[in-house]
Amino acid sequence: MKKFLLLLPIPILFASFVFLVFKDKIFKTAKAGLQVESTPQARLFLDGQEVGTTPYQSGELREGEKVVRLVPEENLSPWETKINLTEGTLSYVYRKFDSSESSSSAKIVTLEKLADKKAKALMVISTPDSSLVRVDGEEKGKTPLSLDNLTEGEHEVNLSSPGFEEMQINTRVTNGFRINLNFKLAEKQEISLPKEKENEEKAEEEKSDDLTKPYVLIKETPTGWLRVRLEPSVNASEAAKVKPGEKYPFLEEESGWFKISYEEGKEGWISGQYASKVE
């Protein structure tokens, strides 16, 4: 029985991706699939023909190059890109529209069949170039970057560049395919806080300074929160979530992870990628 390889986004905004395998009864023919999402909603055109609005998904497309054009319903500029669809796989396009191109972001995920069925690869490209790539919290290099030594299974991929918002994806590396990740990072926007709000934040910072050192300070994250896990691993179960700017008692450190006391009598591990130890 033939199989259909599917990329499933979780969640929609700053989506994470899990590479899953489904039986072909979902899609009766071995055609190519495409899923398109956007924030805000937009009209979708494929090769110049309007096919609906986002979110959109079809498993009945022919493989090959497609021109994807999104026209947002709000007063924002349209966006267009090209994507290569591969038979038997579901490609993914996500666009977050903002007031300017520089502050907008995008993700494009495609799969490419390899001649060697036992081979596997991950290709990461980005705008801007030379963005730092971390896989499972470990620095792997800068974009454009090709990796062919990852183990089969799920991996967390993170992209960062000075002056740009970070982006993150979870993807499953599978034998016989190259996963292509194409990111367009959004420039960080300077936000001026009202004086009253600024004073409130300063007061909160002074209050938190009463915490006995060493403590752990939570940094900004792409999602606005950070998972607390039961063990120092991205595969460990989630115990809670903490927010940027919060501070917690430091307990110990292991392989780039910090153990904290996030509630009275409750302990867990957070990634050192989004936290710093203050001594």
Foldseek 3Di string as FASTA:
>chain_A
DDKAWEWDFPPQVLTATETDIDHCVVPVDQAWKEFEAEPPKWFKDKQRHTDGIPRDMDRPHHFAKIKIKTGHPDPFDIDIDIDTTDGRYYKYKYKYTDRDPQQIKIKTKYKDFDPFQQWWKEFEAEVVWQWWKDKQLHTDGTPRDMDGPDDFAKIKIKTGDPQWAIGIYIYGIHGRIYMYMYMYTHGDDDDDDDPVVVVVLVVVVVVQVVDDPFKKAFADHNVQWWFFFADPGPPGDTDDIGGHGDIFHFDDDDDQWTWTAPDVVDITITGNVGMDTDD
